[in-house]
Amino acid sequence: MPDGMELHPKDIPTALAHLYRGELGRMVAYRGRLDTTTNWAVGTSAALTTFALGQDRVPHGVFPLVLLLDLIFLWMESRRFRFYELSRMRVRLLETGFYGAVLGKDAQEGWQDALWTSLRTPRAPLGLIQAASVRLRRNYLWLLLAVYLGWALKLWPSQGDAAITAAVGPVSGTWILGGAAALLGALVVVSTLYRLPEEE
């Protein structure tokens, strides 16, 4: 061992148990951060949608703002989800490898090398787009659809052509509606790009 450190066989289970406890605690902490971000997105969307629908004098331009805020929350949550998945991967390696052997079952092949690689060069097991795909499918796509529904209800009572009433400042309603439709279509596509192994 380097630096004169001696490692006895009996120390290995203790070290792995401490590693498991630490990674499990980190995973729970990131789970809490994910829930906090989702709660902020839901609360903000509900408050602004209720405000916009509850008063006629409030312009429908509130809804593009809600969409922008939700996309920011989605970006934040996707970043956090990547780190959550890193800890969850380590926890699963220990559960299927070390604890599998403890329970007398066939351990996952190569779990020690995979765990060491993750500890030596920490790297999230999925990219930002992949994380966004998972979070969209689980939470944000449904939230955004609710915002779109509220937006449609706001525009519905308006008199005249929707392409005219949907205008926001100097931006024509045609561009607003086209951009909103393109954004929703892009988000639906992103939501289908990646599935976690346990979802397949």
N, C-alpha and C. Protein backbone atom coordinates (compact mmCIF):
# COMPACT_ATOMS: atom_id res chain seq x y z
N MET A 1 0.84 -1.20 0.00
CA MET A 1 0.00 0.00 0.00
C MET A 1 0.87 1.25 0.00
N PRO A 2 0.46 2.34 -0.64
CA PRO A 2 1.27 3.56 -0.68
C PRO A 2 1.35 4.22 0.69
N ASP A 3 2.44 4.95 0.89
CA ASP A 3 2.64 5.72 2.12
C ASP A 3 2.64 4.84 3.36
N GLY A 4 3.00 3.58 3.22
CA GLY A 4 3.11 2.70 4.37
C GLY A 4 1.79 2.30 4.98
N MET A 5 0.65 2.58 4.31
CA MET A 5 -0.65 2.23 4.87
C MET A 5 -0.90 0.74 4.70
N GLU A 6 -1.32 0.10 5.78
CA GLU A 6 -1.61 -1.32 5.72
C GLU A 6 -3.12 -1.53 5.69
N LEU A 7 -3.55 -2.38 4.79
CA LEU A 7 -4.97 -2.67 4.66
C LEU A 7 -5.18 -4.16 4.92
N HIS A 8 -5.89 -4.45 5.98
CA HIS A 8 -6.18 -5.83 6.32
C HIS A 8 -7.49 -6.26 5.65
N PRO A 9 -7.65 -7.54 5.36
CA PRO A 9 -8.88 -8.00 4.71
C PRO A 9 -10.15 -7.62 5.47
N LYS A 10 -10.06 -7.59 6.80
CA LYS A 10 -11.25 -7.25 7.58
C LYS A 10 -11.64 -5.78 7.45
N ASP A 11 -10.68 -4.95 6.96
CA ASP A 11 -10.99 -3.52 6.79
C ASP A 11 -11.84 -3.25 5.55
N ILE A 12 -11.80 -4.16 4.59
CA ILE A 12 -12.50 -3.92 3.32
C ILE A 12 -14.01 -3.82 3.49
N PRO A 13 -14.66 -4.77 4.19
CA PRO A 13 -16.11 -4.63 4.38
C PRO A 13 -16.50 -3.36 5.11
N THR A 14 -15.69 -2.97 6.09
CA THR A 14 -15.98 -1.74 6.84
C THR A 14 -15.89 -0.52 5.94
N ALA A 15 -14.83 -0.48 5.12
CA ALA A 15 -14.66 0.66 4.21
C ALA A 15 -15.80 0.74 3.20
N LEU A 16 -16.20 -0.40 2.65
CA LEU A 16 -17.28 -0.41 1.68
C LEU A 16 -18.62 -0.04 2.32
N ALA A 17 -18.81 -0.46 3.56
CA ALA A 17 -20.05 -0.10 4.27
C ALA A 17 -20.12 1.40 4.49
N HIS A 18 -18.98 2.01 4.86
CA HIS A 18 -18.94 3.46 5.05
C HIS A 18 -19.16 4.19 3.72
N LEU A 19 -18.56 3.66 2.65
CA LEU A 19 -18.76 4.26 1.33
C LEU A 19 -20.23 4.18 0.93
N TYR A 20 -20.83 3.04 1.18
CA TYR A 20 -22.25 2.87 0.85
C TYR A 20 -23.12 3.86 1.63
N ARG A 21 -22.84 3.99 2.91
CA ARG A 21 -23.61 4.92 3.74
C ARG A 21 -23.44 6.36 3.26
N GLY A 22 -22.20 6.71 2.90
CA GLY A 22 -21.95 8.07 2.44
C GLY A 22 -22.64 8.37 1.11
N GLU A 23 -22.55 7.44 0.16
CA GLU A 23 -23.18 7.64 -1.14
C GLU A 23 -24.70 7.64 -1.03
N LEU A 24 -25.22 6.81 -0.13
CA LEU A 24 -26.67 6.79 0.07
C LEU A 24 -27.15 8.12 0.64
N GLY A 25 -26.38 8.67 1.59
CA GLY A 25 -26.73 9.98 2.14
C GLY A 25 -26.66 11.07 1.09
N ARG A 26 -25.64 11.01 0.23
CA ARG A 26 -25.52 12.00 -0.85
C ARG A 26 -26.69 11.87 -1.83
N MET A 27 -27.08 10.63 -2.12
CA MET A 27 -28.19 10.41 -3.04
C MET A 27 -29.49 10.98 -2.47
N VAL A 28 -29.71 10.76 -1.18
CA VAL A 28 -30.92 11.30 -0.53
C VAL A 28 -30.91 12.82 -0.56
N ALA A 29 -29.73 13.42 -0.36
CA ALA A 29 -29.62 14.89 -0.39
C ALA A 29 -29.97 15.43 -1.77
N TYR A 30 -29.46 14.79 -2.81
CA TYR A 30 -29.78 15.24 -4.17
C TYR A 30 -31.24 14.98 -4.51
N ARG A 31 -31.82 13.90 -3.96
CA ARG A 31 -33.24 13.65 -4.16
C ARG A 31 -34.06 14.80 -3.58
N GLY A 32 -33.63 15.29 -2.41
CA GLY A 32 -34.31 16.43 -1.80
C GLY A 32 -34.18 17.69 -2.65
N ARG A 33 -33.00 17.89 -3.25
CA ARG A 33 -32.81 19.05 -4.13
C ARG A 33 -33.69 18.96 -5.36
N LEU A 34 -33.82 17.76 -5.91
CA LEU A 34 -34.71 17.59 -7.06
C LEU A 34 -36.15 17.93 -6.70
N ASP A 35 -36.60 17.44 -5.56
CA ASP A 35 -37.97 17.72 -5.13
C ASP A 35 -38.18 19.21 -4.90
N THR A 36 -37.17 19.87 -4.34
CA THR A 36 -37.28 21.31 -4.10
C THR A 36 -37.45 22.08 -5.40
N THR A 37 -36.64 21.73 -6.40
CA THR A 37 -36.74 22.41 -7.70
C THR A 37 -38.10 22.17 -8.34
N THR A 38 -38.58 20.92 -8.29
CA THR A 38 -39.89 20.61 -8.85
C THR A 38 -40.99 21.39 -8.14
N ASN A 39 -40.90 21.46 -6.82
CA ASN A 39 -41.91 22.20 -6.04
C ASN A 39 -41.92 23.67 -6.41
N TRP A 40 -40.74 24.25 -6.62
CA TRP A 40 -40.67 25.65 -7.03
C TRP A 40 -41.30 25.84 -8.40
N ALA A 41 -41.04 24.93 -9.32
CA ALA A 41 -41.62 25.03 -10.66
C ALA A 41 -43.14 24.92 -10.61
N VAL A 42 -43.64 23.96 -9.85
CA VAL A 42 -45.09 23.79 -9.74
C VAL A 42 -45.73 24.99 -9.07
N GLY A 43 -45.13 25.45 -7.97
CA GLY A 43 -45.69 26.59 -7.25
C GLY A 43 -45.69 27.86 -8.07
N THR A 44 -44.58 28.13 -8.75
CA THR A 44 -44.49 29.33 -9.59
C THR A 44 -45.50 29.28 -10.74
N SER A 45 -45.59 28.13 -11.39
CA SER A 45 -46.52 27.98 -12.51
C SER A 45 -47.97 28.14 -12.05
N ALA A 46 -48.30 27.51 -10.94
CA ALA A 46 -49.67 27.60 -10.43
C ALA A 46 -50.03 29.02 -10.04
N ALA A 47 -49.10 29.70 -9.37
CA ALA A 47 -49.39 31.07 -8.91
C ALA A 47 -49.58 32.02 -10.08
N LEU A 48 -48.67 31.98 -11.06
CA LEU A 48 -48.76 32.91 -12.19
C LEU A 48 -49.94 32.57 -13.10
N THR A 49 -50.23 31.28 -13.27
CA THR A 49 -51.38 30.89 -14.09
C THR A 49 -52.68 31.34 -13.45
N THR A 50 -52.80 31.14 -12.14
CA THR A 50 -54.00 31.59 -11.43
C THR A 50 -54.14 33.10 -11.51
N PHE A 51 -53.02 33.80 -11.37
CA PHE A 51 -53.04 35.26 -11.46
C PHE A 51 -53.50 35.72 -12.84
N ALA A 52 -52.98 35.08 -13.89
CA ALA A 52 -53.31 35.48 -15.26
C ALA A 52 -54.76 35.17 -15.61
N LEU A 53 -55.25 34.02 -15.15
CA LEU A 53 -56.62 33.63 -15.49
C LEU A 53 -57.66 34.32 -14.60
N GLY A 54 -57.22 34.75 -13.44
CA GLY A 54 -58.17 35.34 -12.49
C GLY A 54 -58.53 36.78 -12.75
N GLN A 55 -57.74 37.46 -13.58
CA GLN A 55 -57.99 38.88 -13.83
C GLN A 55 -57.93 39.15 -15.34
N ASP A 56 -59.01 39.73 -15.85
CA ASP A 56 -59.09 39.97 -17.30
C ASP A 56 -58.04 40.97 -17.78
N ARG A 57 -57.68 41.90 -16.92
CA ARG A 57 -56.75 42.95 -17.38
C ARG A 57 -55.31 42.47 -17.46
N VAL A 58 -55.03 41.31 -16.92
CA VAL A 58 -53.67 40.76 -16.99
C VAL A 58 -53.45 40.19 -18.39
N PRO A 59 -52.43 40.63 -19.12
CA PRO A 59 -52.21 40.14 -20.49
C PRO A 59 -51.75 38.69 -20.51
N HIS A 60 -51.99 38.04 -21.63
CA HIS A 60 -51.57 36.64 -21.76
C HIS A 60 -50.06 36.50 -21.86
N GLY A 61 -49.35 37.62 -21.98
CA GLY A 61 -47.90 37.57 -22.03
C GLY A 61 -47.26 37.00 -20.78
N VAL A 62 -48.07 36.81 -19.73
CA VAL A 62 -47.56 36.16 -18.52
C VAL A 62 -47.15 34.72 -18.83
N PHE A 63 -47.84 34.07 -19.74
CA PHE A 63 -47.60 32.64 -19.98
C PHE A 63 -46.25 32.36 -20.64
N PRO A 64 -45.79 33.17 -21.60
CA PRO A 64 -44.42 32.96 -22.07
C PRO A 64 -43.39 33.10 -20.94
N LEU A 65 -43.67 34.00 -20.00
CA LEU A 65 -42.78 34.14 -18.84
C LEU A 65 -42.78 32.87 -18.00
N VAL A 66 -43.97 32.29 -17.81
CA VAL A 66 -44.07 31.04 -17.05
C VAL A 66 -43.28 29.93 -17.75
N LEU A 67 -43.41 29.85 -19.07
CA LEU A 67 -42.66 28.84 -19.82
C LEU A 67 -41.15 29.03 -19.65
N LEU A 68 -40.71 30.28 -19.71
CA LEU A 68 -39.29 30.56 -19.54
C LEU A 68 -38.80 30.14 -18.16
N LEU A 69 -39.58 30.46 -17.13
CA LEU A 69 -39.20 30.07 -15.77
C LEU A 69 -39.16 28.55 -15.62
N ASP A 70 -40.14 27.87 -16.21
CA ASP A 70 -40.15 26.41 -16.12
C ASP A 70 -38.96 25.79 -16.84
N LEU A 71 -38.55 26.38 -17.95
CA LEU A 71 -37.37 25.88 -18.66
C LEU A 71 -36.10 26.08 -17.84
N ILE A 72 -36.04 27.19 -17.11
CA ILE A 72 -34.90 27.43 -16.22
C ILE A 72 -34.88 26.39 -15.10
N PHE A 73 -36.05 26.13 -14.52
CA PHE A 73 -36.14 25.11 -13.47
C PHE A 73 -35.76 23.73 -14.04
N LEU A 74 -36.19 23.45 -15.27
CA LEU A 74 -35.85 22.17 -15.90
C LEU A 74 -34.34 22.05 -16.08
N TRP A 75 -33.69 23.12 -16.50
CA TRP A 75 -32.24 23.10 -16.67
C TRP A 75 -31.54 22.85 -15.33
N MET A 76 -31.99 23.55 -14.29
CA MET A 76 -31.40 23.35 -12.96
C MET A 76 -31.60 21.91 -12.48
N GLU A 77 -32.81 21.41 -12.66
CA GLU A 77 -33.11 20.06 -12.18
C GLU A 77 -32.36 19.00 -12.98
N SER A 78 -32.17 19.23 -14.25
CA SER A 78 -31.42 18.28 -15.07
C SER A 78 -29.97 18.19 -14.62
N ARG A 79 -29.37 19.32 -14.27
CA ARG A 79 -28.00 19.31 -13.76
C ARG A 79 -27.93 18.54 -12.44
N ARG A 80 -28.89 18.78 -11.57
CA ARG A 80 -28.90 18.09 -10.28
C ARG A 80 -29.15 16.60 -10.46
N PHE A 81 -29.98 16.25 -11.43
CA PHE A 81 -30.30 14.85 -11.65
C PHE A 81 -29.08 14.07 -12.11
N ARG A 82 -28.17 14.70 -12.82
CA ARG A 82 -26.95 14.03 -13.26
C ARG A 82 -26.10 13.62 -12.05
N PHE A 83 -25.98 14.51 -11.07
CA PHE A 83 -25.21 14.18 -9.88
C PHE A 83 -25.94 13.15 -9.01
N TYR A 84 -27.26 13.24 -9.00
CA TYR A 84 -28.05 12.23 -8.29
C TYR A 84 -27.81 10.85 -8.90
N GLU A 85 -27.79 10.78 -10.22
CA GLU A 85 -27.57 9.50 -10.89
C GLU A 85 -26.17 8.97 -10.67
N LEU A 86 -25.19 9.87 -10.49
CA LEU A 86 -23.82 9.43 -10.20
C LEU A 86 -23.78 8.69 -8.87
N SER A 87 -24.38 9.27 -7.83
CA SER A 87 -24.42 8.60 -6.52
C SER A 87 -25.28 7.34 -6.58
N ARG A 88 -26.38 7.40 -7.30
CA ARG A 88 -27.25 6.23 -7.39
C ARG A 88 -26.55 5.08 -8.10
N MET A 89 -25.73 5.38 -9.10
CA MET A 89 -24.98 4.35 -9.80
C MET A 89 -24.01 3.66 -8.84
N ARG A 90 -23.32 4.47 -8.00
CA ARG A 90 -22.38 3.88 -7.04
C ARG A 90 -23.11 3.02 -6.02
N VAL A 91 -24.25 3.50 -5.57
CA VAL A 91 -25.04 2.73 -4.61
C VAL A 91 -25.47 1.40 -5.22
N ARG A 92 -25.91 1.43 -6.47
CA ARG A 92 -26.36 0.20 -7.12
C ARG A 92 -25.19 -0.76 -7.36
N LEU A 93 -24.01 -0.22 -7.66
CA LEU A 93 -22.84 -1.08 -7.83
C LEU A 93 -22.51 -1.81 -6.53
N LEU A 94 -22.58 -1.09 -5.42
CA LEU A 94 -22.32 -1.71 -4.12
C LEU A 94 -23.41 -2.72 -3.76
N GLU A 95 -24.64 -2.41 -4.09
CA GLU A 95 -25.74 -3.32 -3.75
C GLU A 95 -25.69 -4.60 -4.57
N THR A 96 -25.43 -4.47 -5.86
CA THR A 96 -25.43 -5.66 -6.73
C THR A 96 -24.09 -6.38 -6.73
N GLY A 97 -23.03 -5.70 -6.28
CA GLY A 97 -21.71 -6.31 -6.24
C GLY A 97 -21.36 -6.81 -4.85
N PHE A 98 -21.01 -5.89 -3.97
CA PHE A 98 -20.56 -6.25 -2.63
C PHE A 98 -21.66 -6.95 -1.83
N TYR A 99 -22.83 -6.33 -1.74
CA TYR A 99 -23.89 -6.93 -0.93
C TYR A 99 -24.49 -8.16 -1.60
N GLY A 100 -24.38 -8.23 -2.92
CA GLY A 100 -24.79 -9.46 -3.59
C GLY A 100 -23.94 -10.63 -3.15
N ALA A 101 -22.62 -10.40 -3.06
CA ALA A 101 -21.72 -11.46 -2.60
C ALA A 101 -21.97 -11.80 -1.14
N VAL A 102 -22.24 -10.78 -0.31
CA VAL A 102 -22.52 -11.01 1.11
C VAL A 102 -23.74 -11.91 1.27
N LEU A 103 -24.74 -11.71 0.41
CA LEU A 103 -25.97 -12.50 0.49
C LEU A 103 -25.87 -13.84 -0.23
N GLY A 104 -24.68 -14.15 -0.72
CA GLY A 104 -24.47 -15.44 -1.36
C GLY A 104 -25.01 -15.53 -2.77
N LYS A 105 -25.23 -14.38 -3.40
CA LYS A 105 -25.72 -14.36 -4.77
C LYS A 105 -24.58 -14.02 -5.73
N ASP A 106 -24.83 -14.23 -7.00
CA ASP A 106 -23.82 -13.89 -8.01
C ASP A 106 -23.67 -12.38 -8.09
N ALA A 107 -22.47 -11.90 -7.80
CA ALA A 107 -22.22 -10.45 -7.84
C ALA A 107 -22.17 -9.98 -9.28
N GLN A 108 -22.53 -8.72 -9.48
CA GLN A 108 -22.46 -8.13 -10.82
C GLN A 108 -21.02 -8.13 -11.29
N GLU A 109 -20.79 -8.64 -12.47
CA GLU A 109 -19.44 -8.75 -13.00
C GLU A 109 -18.85 -7.37 -13.27
N GLY A 110 -17.61 -7.18 -12.82
CA GLY A 110 -16.90 -5.93 -13.07
C GLY A 110 -17.31 -4.77 -12.20
N TRP A 111 -18.05 -5.03 -11.11
CA TRP A 111 -18.54 -3.92 -10.29
C TRP A 111 -17.41 -3.18 -9.60
N GLN A 112 -16.34 -3.89 -9.22
CA GLN A 112 -15.22 -3.23 -8.53
C GLN A 112 -14.50 -2.25 -9.46
N ASP A 113 -14.26 -2.68 -10.69
CA ASP A 113 -13.60 -1.79 -11.66
C ASP A 113 -14.47 -0.59 -11.97
N ALA A 114 -15.78 -0.82 -12.14
CA ALA A 114 -16.69 0.28 -12.44
C ALA A 114 -16.76 1.27 -11.29
N LEU A 115 -16.77 0.76 -10.06
CA LEU A 115 -16.81 1.64 -8.89
C LEU A 115 -15.52 2.43 -8.77
N TRP A 116 -14.39 1.77 -8.98
CA TRP A 116 -13.11 2.47 -8.87
C TRP A 116 -12.99 3.55 -9.94
N THR A 117 -13.41 3.25 -11.15
CA THR A 117 -13.37 4.25 -12.22
C THR A 117 -14.22 5.46 -11.87
N SER A 118 -15.38 5.22 -11.29
CA SER A 118 -16.27 6.32 -10.90
C SER A 118 -15.68 7.16 -9.78
N LEU A 119 -14.97 6.52 -8.86
CA LEU A 119 -14.35 7.25 -7.75
C LEU A 119 -13.10 8.00 -8.21
N ARG A 120 -12.35 7.40 -9.10
CA ARG A 120 -11.10 8.02 -9.55
C ARG A 120 -11.38 9.21 -10.47
N THR A 121 -12.31 9.04 -11.40
CA THR A 121 -12.68 10.13 -12.33
C THR A 121 -14.19 10.29 -12.31
N PRO A 122 -14.71 11.03 -11.33
CA PRO A 122 -16.17 11.18 -11.22
C PRO A 122 -16.76 11.79 -12.49
N ARG A 123 -17.70 11.08 -13.05
CA ARG A 123 -18.36 11.55 -14.27
C ARG A 123 -19.80 11.04 -14.25
N ALA A 124 -20.74 11.96 -14.44
CA ALA A 124 -22.14 11.57 -14.42
C ALA A 124 -22.41 10.54 -15.51
N PRO A 125 -23.23 9.53 -15.23
CA PRO A 125 -23.47 8.47 -16.21
C PRO A 125 -24.39 8.88 -17.36
N LEU A 126 -24.92 10.09 -17.33
CA LEU A 126 -25.76 10.56 -18.42
C LEU A 126 -25.54 12.05 -18.64
N GLY A 127 -25.78 12.50 -19.86
CA GLY A 127 -25.56 13.89 -20.22
C GLY A 127 -26.74 14.77 -19.85
N LEU A 128 -26.59 16.06 -20.11
CA LEU A 128 -27.62 17.03 -19.73
C LEU A 128 -28.91 16.79 -20.52
N ILE A 129 -28.81 16.51 -21.81
CA ILE A 129 -30.00 16.26 -22.62
C ILE A 129 -30.70 14.98 -22.16
N GLN A 130 -29.92 13.96 -21.83
CA GLN A 130 -30.50 12.71 -21.33
C GLN A 130 -31.22 12.94 -20.01
N ALA A 131 -30.60 13.73 -19.12
CA ALA A 131 -31.23 14.04 -17.84
C ALA A 131 -32.52 14.84 -18.06
N ALA A 132 -32.47 15.80 -18.99
CA ALA A 132 -33.67 16.58 -19.29
C ALA A 132 -34.77 15.69 -19.85
N SER A 133 -34.40 14.68 -20.63
CA SER A 133 -35.38 13.75 -21.18
C SER A 133 -36.13 13.03 -20.06
N VAL A 134 -35.39 12.57 -19.06
CA VAL A 134 -36.01 11.86 -17.94
C VAL A 134 -36.90 12.78 -17.13
N ARG A 135 -36.40 13.99 -16.82
CA ARG A 135 -37.18 14.91 -15.98
C ARG A 135 -38.41 15.44 -16.72
N LEU A 136 -38.29 15.62 -18.03
CA LEU A 136 -39.46 16.02 -18.81
C LEU A 136 -40.54 14.95 -18.75
N ARG A 137 -40.14 13.72 -18.97
CA ARG A 137 -41.12 12.64 -19.02
C ARG A 137 -41.77 12.41 -17.65
N ARG A 138 -41.02 12.60 -16.59
CA ARG A 138 -41.56 12.33 -15.26
C ARG A 138 -42.37 13.49 -14.70
N ASN A 139 -41.95 14.73 -14.97
CA ASN A 139 -42.60 15.87 -14.32
C ASN A 139 -42.93 17.01 -15.26
N TYR A 140 -41.91 17.51 -15.94
CA TYR A 140 -42.03 18.84 -16.55
C TYR A 140 -42.92 18.88 -17.78
N LEU A 141 -42.99 17.80 -18.54
CA LEU A 141 -43.84 17.83 -19.72
C LEU A 141 -45.30 18.01 -19.33
N TRP A 142 -45.70 17.35 -18.25
CA TRP A 142 -47.09 17.48 -17.77
C TRP A 142 -47.33 18.88 -17.22
N LEU A 143 -46.34 19.42 -16.53
CA LEU A 143 -46.47 20.77 -16.00
C LEU A 143 -46.58 21.79 -17.13
N LEU A 144 -45.75 21.63 -18.15
CA LEU A 144 -45.77 22.55 -19.29
C LEU A 144 -47.08 22.43 -20.08
N LEU A 145 -47.61 21.23 -20.18
CA LEU A 145 -48.90 21.06 -20.85
C LEU A 145 -50.00 21.80 -20.10
N ALA A 146 -49.93 21.79 -18.77
CA ALA A 146 -50.91 22.53 -17.97
C ALA A 146 -50.78 24.03 -18.22
N VAL A 147 -49.55 24.52 -18.36
CA VAL A 147 -49.33 25.94 -18.66
C VAL A 147 -49.90 26.28 -20.04
N TYR A 148 -49.65 25.41 -21.01
CA TYR A 148 -50.21 25.64 -22.35
C TYR A 148 -51.74 25.66 -22.32
N LEU A 149 -52.33 24.78 -21.52
CA LEU A 149 -53.79 24.76 -21.40
C LEU A 149 -54.30 26.07 -20.80
N GLY A 150 -53.62 26.55 -19.76
CA GLY A 150 -53.99 27.84 -19.18
C GLY A 150 -53.86 28.98 -20.17
N TRP A 151 -52.82 28.91 -20.98
CA TRP A 151 -52.61 29.94 -22.02
C TRP A 151 -53.75 29.92 -23.03
N ALA A 152 -54.15 28.71 -23.44
CA ALA A 152 -55.26 28.58 -24.39
C ALA A 152 -56.56 29.11 -23.80
N LEU A 153 -56.79 28.85 -22.52
CA LEU A 153 -58.00 29.37 -21.86
C LEU A 153 -57.97 30.89 -21.79
N LYS A 154 -56.78 31.45 -21.62
CA LYS A 154 -56.66 32.91 -21.57
C LYS A 154 -56.98 33.53 -22.93
N LEU A 155 -56.56 32.89 -23.99
CA LEU A 155 -56.79 33.43 -25.33
C LEU A 155 -58.19 33.12 -25.86
N TRP A 156 -58.80 32.08 -25.36
CA TRP A 156 -60.08 31.62 -25.90
C TRP A 156 -61.18 32.67 -25.87
N PRO A 157 -61.38 33.41 -24.74
CA PRO A 157 -62.48 34.38 -24.72
C PRO A 157 -62.22 35.60 -25.59
N SER A 158 -60.99 35.76 -26.06
CA SER A 158 -60.64 36.96 -26.81
C SER A 158 -61.42 37.03 -28.11
N GLN A 159 -61.76 38.23 -28.50
CA GLN A 159 -62.47 38.44 -29.75
C GLN A 159 -61.46 38.56 -30.90
N GLY A 160 -61.84 38.05 -32.05
CA GLY A 160 -60.98 38.19 -33.21
C GLY A 160 -60.08 37.00 -33.43
N ASP A 161 -59.20 37.16 -34.39
CA ASP A 161 -58.27 36.11 -34.79
C ASP A 161 -57.25 35.86 -33.69
N ALA A 162 -57.02 34.57 -33.36
CA ALA A 162 -56.05 34.23 -32.31
C ALA A 162 -54.66 34.69 -32.68
N ALA A 163 -54.34 34.69 -33.97
CA ALA A 163 -53.01 35.13 -34.41
C ALA A 163 -52.80 36.61 -34.13
N ILE A 164 -53.89 37.36 -33.99
CA ILE A 164 -53.79 38.78 -33.68
C ILE A 164 -53.76 39.00 -32.17
N THR A 165 -54.68 38.32 -31.47
CA THR A 165 -54.77 38.51 -30.02
C THR A 165 -53.57 37.91 -29.29
N ALA A 166 -52.85 36.98 -29.92
CA ALA A 166 -51.70 36.35 -29.27
C ALA A 166 -50.44 37.21 -29.35
N ALA A 167 -50.51 38.34 -30.02
CA ALA A 167 -49.34 39.21 -30.14
C ALA A 167 -48.86 39.69 -28.78
N VAL A 168 -47.56 39.79 -28.63
CA VAL A 168 -46.94 40.31 -27.40
C VAL A 168 -46.03 41.46 -27.80
N GLY A 169 -46.46 42.69 -27.51
CA GLY A 169 -45.67 43.85 -27.89
C GLY A 169 -45.51 43.91 -29.40
N PRO A 170 -44.27 44.10 -29.86
CA PRO A 170 -44.05 44.18 -31.31
C PRO A 170 -44.02 42.82 -32.01
N VAL A 171 -44.04 41.74 -31.24
CA VAL A 171 -43.97 40.39 -31.82
C VAL A 171 -45.37 39.95 -32.21
N SER A 172 -45.55 39.58 -33.46
CA SER A 172 -46.87 39.20 -33.95
C SER A 172 -47.35 37.90 -33.31
N GLY A 173 -48.67 37.74 -33.27
CA GLY A 173 -49.25 36.54 -32.70
C GLY A 173 -48.87 35.29 -33.46
N THR A 174 -48.69 35.42 -34.77
CA THR A 174 -48.29 34.26 -35.57
C THR A 174 -46.94 33.72 -35.12
N TRP A 175 -46.00 34.61 -34.87
CA TRP A 175 -44.68 34.19 -34.39
C TRP A 175 -44.78 33.60 -32.98
N ILE A 176 -45.61 34.21 -32.14
CA ILE A 176 -45.77 33.71 -30.77
C ILE A 176 -46.35 32.30 -30.77
N LEU A 177 -47.44 32.10 -31.50
CA LEU A 177 -48.08 30.78 -31.54
C LEU A 177 -47.19 29.75 -32.23
N GLY A 178 -46.51 30.17 -33.30
CA GLY A 178 -45.61 29.24 -33.98
C GLY A 178 -44.44 28.84 -33.10
N GLY A 179 -43.88 29.83 -32.39
CA GLY A 179 -42.77 29.53 -31.49
C GLY A 179 -43.20 28.63 -30.35
N ALA A 180 -44.40 28.88 -29.81
CA ALA A 180 -44.91 28.06 -28.71
C ALA A 180 -45.13 26.62 -29.16
N ALA A 181 -45.68 26.45 -30.36
CA ALA A 181 -45.91 25.11 -30.89
C ALA A 181 -44.59 24.39 -31.16
N ALA A 182 -43.61 25.11 -31.71
CA ALA A 182 -42.31 24.52 -31.99
C ALA A 182 -41.61 24.11 -30.70
N LEU A 183 -41.72 24.96 -29.68
CA LEU A 183 -41.11 24.64 -28.39
C LEU A 183 -41.72 23.38 -27.80
N LEU A 184 -43.04 23.29 -27.81
CA LEU A 184 -43.71 22.11 -27.26
C LEU A 184 -43.31 20.86 -28.04
N GLY A 185 -43.26 20.97 -29.37
CA GLY A 185 -42.85 19.82 -30.17
C GLY A 185 -41.43 19.38 -29.86
N ALA A 186 -40.52 20.35 -29.70
CA ALA A 186 -39.13 20.02 -29.38
C ALA A 186 -39.02 19.34 -28.03
N LEU A 187 -39.79 19.81 -27.05
CA LEU A 187 -39.74 19.22 -25.71
C LEU A 187 -40.30 17.80 -25.72
N VAL A 188 -41.33 17.56 -26.51
CA VAL A 188 -41.88 16.20 -26.63
C VAL A 188 -40.83 15.27 -27.23
N VAL A 189 -40.12 15.75 -28.25
CA VAL A 189 -39.06 14.94 -28.87
C VAL A 189 -37.95 14.64 -27.86
N VAL A 190 -37.51 15.66 -27.13
CA VAL A 190 -36.46 15.47 -26.13
C VAL A 190 -36.88 14.45 -25.08
N SER A 191 -38.15 14.47 -24.70
CA SER A 191 -38.64 13.55 -23.66
C SER A 191 -38.57 12.09 -24.09
N THR A 192 -38.45 11.84 -25.39
CA THR A 192 -38.40 10.46 -25.89
C THR A 192 -36.98 9.98 -26.18
N LEU A 193 -35.99 10.83 -25.97
CA LEU A 193 -34.62 10.51 -26.41
C LEU A 193 -33.92 9.49 -25.54
N TYR A 194 -34.25 9.42 -24.27
CA TYR A 194 -33.47 8.57 -23.36
C TYR A 194 -34.36 7.97 -22.29
N ARG A 195 -34.08 6.74 -21.95
CA ARG A 195 -34.75 6.07 -20.84
C ARG A 195 -33.70 5.44 -19.94
N LEU A 196 -33.94 5.52 -18.64
CA LEU A 196 -33.06 4.86 -17.69
C LEU A 196 -33.15 3.35 -17.89
N PRO A 197 -32.08 2.62 -17.57
CA PRO A 197 -32.10 1.16 -17.79
C PRO A 197 -33.29 0.47 -17.15
N GLU A 198 -33.71 0.91 -15.96
CA GLU A 198 -34.84 0.25 -15.30
C GLU A 198 -36.18 0.58 -15.94
N GLU A 199 -36.20 1.60 -16.82
CA GLU A 199 -37.44 1.96 -17.51
C GLU A 199 -37.64 1.17 -18.80
N GLU A 200 -36.60 0.49 -19.24
CA GLU A 200 -36.67 -0.22 -20.53
C GLU A 200 -37.27 -1.61 -20.34
